[in-house]
N, C-alpha and C. Protein backbone atom coordinates (compact mmCIF):
# COMPACT_ATOMS: atom_id res chain seq x y z
N UNK A 1 0.85 -1.18 0.00
CA UNK A 1 0.00 0.00 0.00
C UNK A 1 0.89 1.24 0.00
N UNK A 2 0.55 2.21 -0.82
CA UNK A 2 1.36 3.42 -0.90
C UNK A 2 0.95 4.41 0.17
N UNK A 3 1.86 5.25 0.54
CA UNK A 3 1.64 6.24 1.60
C UNK A 3 1.33 7.59 0.98
N UNK A 4 0.34 8.28 1.54
CA UNK A 4 -0.02 9.61 1.05
C UNK A 4 0.44 10.62 2.10
N UNK A 5 1.11 11.65 1.64
CA UNK A 5 1.60 12.68 2.54
C UNK A 5 0.94 14.01 2.19
N UNK A 6 0.37 14.64 3.20
CA UNK A 6 -0.21 15.97 2.99
C UNK A 6 0.28 16.88 4.11
N UNK A 7 0.41 18.13 3.80
CA UNK A 7 0.87 19.07 4.82
C UNK A 7 -0.34 19.58 5.62
N UNK A 8 -0.09 20.22 6.75
CA UNK A 8 -1.20 20.69 7.61
C UNK A 8 -2.19 21.61 6.90
N UNK A 9 -1.72 22.45 6.02
CA UNK A 9 -2.63 23.36 5.30
C UNK A 9 -3.56 22.59 4.37
N UNK A 10 -3.03 21.57 3.70
CA UNK A 10 -3.86 20.74 2.82
C UNK A 10 -4.90 19.98 3.65
N UNK A 11 -4.47 19.44 4.79
CA UNK A 11 -5.39 18.72 5.66
C UNK A 11 -6.51 19.63 6.14
N UNK A 12 -6.14 20.84 6.54
CA UNK A 12 -7.14 21.81 7.00
C UNK A 12 -8.16 22.10 5.90
N UNK A 13 -7.68 22.31 4.68
CA UNK A 13 -8.57 22.60 3.56
C UNK A 13 -9.51 21.42 3.27
N UNK A 14 -8.98 20.22 3.31
CA UNK A 14 -9.79 19.03 3.06
C UNK A 14 -10.86 18.87 4.14
N UNK A 15 -10.46 19.05 5.40
CA UNK A 15 -11.42 18.92 6.50
C UNK A 15 -12.50 20.00 6.43
N UNK A 16 -12.11 21.22 6.14
CA UNK A 16 -13.09 22.31 6.02
C UNK A 16 -14.10 22.00 4.92
N UNK A 17 -13.61 21.53 3.80
CA UNK A 17 -14.48 21.20 2.68
C UNK A 17 -15.45 20.07 3.06
N UNK A 18 -14.94 19.06 3.74
CA UNK A 18 -15.79 17.94 4.15
C UNK A 18 -16.85 18.37 5.15
N UNK A 19 -16.49 19.24 6.09
CA UNK A 19 -17.44 19.72 7.09
C UNK A 19 -18.52 20.57 6.44
N UNK A 20 -18.14 21.44 5.53
CA UNK A 20 -19.12 22.28 4.83
C UNK A 20 -20.09 21.40 4.04
N UNK A 21 -19.57 20.41 3.37
CA UNK A 21 -20.42 19.50 2.60
C UNK A 21 -21.36 18.72 3.52
N UNK A 22 -20.85 18.26 4.64
CA UNK A 22 -21.67 17.54 5.61
C UNK A 22 -22.82 18.40 6.11
N UNK A 23 -22.52 19.65 6.47
CA UNK A 23 -23.55 20.56 6.96
C UNK A 23 -24.56 20.87 5.87
N UNK A 24 -24.09 21.12 4.67
CA UNK A 24 -24.98 21.46 3.55
C UNK A 24 -25.91 20.29 3.22
N UNK A 25 -25.37 19.07 3.22
CA UNK A 25 -26.17 17.91 2.83
C UNK A 25 -27.08 17.41 3.94
N UNK A 26 -26.80 17.79 5.20
CA UNK A 26 -27.56 17.29 6.34
C UNK A 26 -28.00 18.44 7.23
N UNK A 27 -28.49 19.49 6.61
CA UNK A 27 -28.84 20.73 7.34
C UNK A 27 -29.78 20.48 8.52
N UNK A 28 -30.84 19.72 8.29
CA UNK A 28 -31.83 19.48 9.34
C UNK A 28 -31.21 18.73 10.52
N UNK A 29 -30.47 17.67 10.23
CA UNK A 29 -29.86 16.87 11.28
C UNK A 29 -28.83 17.67 12.06
N UNK A 30 -28.04 18.48 11.35
CA UNK A 30 -27.03 19.30 12.01
C UNK A 30 -27.70 20.35 12.89
N UNK A 31 -28.79 20.94 12.41
CA UNK A 31 -29.52 21.93 13.21
C UNK A 31 -30.07 21.30 14.49
N UNK A 32 -30.65 20.12 14.36
CA UNK A 32 -31.18 19.43 15.54
C UNK A 32 -30.06 19.09 16.51
N UNK A 33 -28.93 18.64 15.99
CA UNK A 33 -27.78 18.30 16.82
C UNK A 33 -27.27 19.52 17.57
N UNK A 34 -27.15 20.66 16.87
CA UNK A 34 -26.69 21.89 17.52
C UNK A 34 -27.67 22.36 18.58
N UNK A 35 -28.98 22.23 18.31
CA UNK A 35 -29.99 22.62 19.29
C UNK A 35 -29.86 21.77 20.55
N UNK A 36 -29.61 20.48 20.39
CA UNK A 36 -29.43 19.60 21.55
C UNK A 36 -28.21 20.01 22.36
N UNK A 37 -27.14 20.37 21.68
CA UNK A 37 -25.93 20.80 22.38
C UNK A 37 -26.20 22.06 23.18
N UNK A 38 -26.90 23.02 22.57
CA UNK A 38 -27.23 24.27 23.26
C UNK A 38 -28.11 24.00 24.48
N UNK A 39 -29.09 23.11 24.33
CA UNK A 39 -29.97 22.76 25.45
C UNK A 39 -29.17 22.09 26.56
N UNK A 40 -28.25 21.21 26.21
CA UNK A 40 -27.43 20.54 27.22
C UNK A 40 -26.56 21.52 27.99
N UNK A 41 -25.97 22.47 27.27
CA UNK A 41 -25.13 23.48 27.92
C UNK A 41 -25.98 24.35 28.85
N UNK A 42 -27.16 24.76 28.38
CA UNK A 42 -28.05 25.58 29.21
C UNK A 42 -28.48 24.82 30.46
N UNK A 43 -28.79 23.53 30.31
CA UNK A 43 -29.20 22.72 31.46
C UNK A 43 -28.04 22.60 32.45
N UNK A 44 -26.84 22.38 31.94
CA UNK A 44 -25.66 22.27 32.81
C UNK A 44 -25.45 23.56 33.60
N UNK A 45 -25.61 24.70 32.93
CA UNK A 45 -25.44 25.99 33.60
C UNK A 45 -26.54 26.21 34.63
N UNK A 46 -27.77 25.82 34.32
CA UNK A 46 -28.88 25.97 35.27
C UNK A 46 -28.65 25.10 36.50
N UNK A 47 -28.18 23.89 36.30
CA UNK A 47 -27.91 23.00 37.43
C UNK A 47 -26.79 23.57 38.29
N UNK A 48 -25.73 24.05 37.66
CA UNK A 48 -24.61 24.64 38.42
C UNK A 48 -25.08 25.85 39.21
N UNK A 49 -25.92 26.69 38.60
CA UNK A 49 -26.45 27.86 39.29
C UNK A 49 -27.35 27.44 40.44
N UNK A 50 -28.16 26.41 40.20
CA UNK A 50 -29.07 25.92 41.24
C UNK A 50 -28.35 25.35 42.45
N UNK A 51 -27.16 24.84 42.24
CA UNK A 51 -26.39 24.28 43.34
C UNK A 51 -25.83 25.35 44.27
N UNK A 52 -25.80 26.59 43.81
CA UNK A 52 -25.22 27.66 44.63
C UNK A 52 -26.27 28.66 45.12
N UNK A 53 -27.55 28.41 44.84
CA UNK A 53 -28.59 29.34 45.28
C UNK A 53 -29.37 28.76 46.45
N UNK A 54 -30.16 29.59 47.06
CA UNK A 54 -30.95 29.21 48.22
C UNK A 54 -32.03 28.19 47.82
N UNK A 55 -32.26 27.21 48.68
CA UNK A 55 -33.30 26.21 48.43
C UNK A 55 -34.68 26.81 48.66
N UNK A 56 -35.64 26.37 47.88
CA UNK A 56 -37.03 26.80 48.06
C UNK A 56 -37.91 25.56 48.14
N UNK A 57 -39.09 25.72 48.68
CA UNK A 57 -39.98 24.58 48.84
C UNK A 57 -40.66 24.24 47.52
N UNK A 58 -41.07 22.99 47.42
CA UNK A 58 -41.82 22.53 46.24
C UNK A 58 -43.11 23.32 46.11
N UNK A 59 -43.76 23.59 47.24
CA UNK A 59 -45.03 24.33 47.23
C UNK A 59 -44.86 25.72 46.61
N UNK A 60 -43.79 26.41 46.96
CA UNK A 60 -43.59 27.77 46.42
C UNK A 60 -43.34 27.74 44.92
N UNK A 61 -42.69 26.69 44.43
CA UNK A 61 -42.47 26.56 42.98
C UNK A 61 -43.80 26.38 42.27
N UNK A 62 -44.64 25.47 42.78
CA UNK A 62 -45.92 25.21 42.12
C UNK A 62 -46.87 26.40 42.23
N UNK A 63 -46.77 27.20 43.27
CA UNK A 63 -47.57 28.40 43.37
C UNK A 63 -47.21 29.39 42.26
N UNK A 64 -45.93 29.46 41.94
CA UNK A 64 -45.48 30.34 40.85
C UNK A 64 -45.97 29.85 39.48
N UNK A 65 -46.11 28.53 39.35
CA UNK A 65 -46.50 27.95 38.07
C UNK A 65 -48.02 27.95 37.84
N UNK A 66 -48.78 28.13 38.91
CA UNK A 66 -50.25 28.12 38.77
C UNK A 66 -50.70 29.37 38.03
N UNK A 67 -51.70 29.20 37.14
CA UNK A 67 -52.21 30.39 36.41
C UNK A 67 -52.90 31.34 37.39
N UNK A 68 -52.72 32.60 37.14
CA UNK A 68 -53.34 33.61 38.01
C UNK A 68 -54.71 33.97 37.44
N UNK A 69 -55.67 34.11 38.31
CA UNK A 69 -57.05 34.40 37.90
C UNK A 69 -57.27 35.88 37.73
């Protein structure tokens, strides 16, 4: 088997081209994937923030969620 040698700039160009083609051909899937990543990061940040804030009762949370008349 023969060996192929490419320099870092060529590799970067090939990878960029492949990524652009992947995104273009799978726009919906990539969008859904990115949305999931954003949701995961937001959830992680919310959990971290919740670990450093004052605890509240379950009752007070549900009172806030009840519709006001």
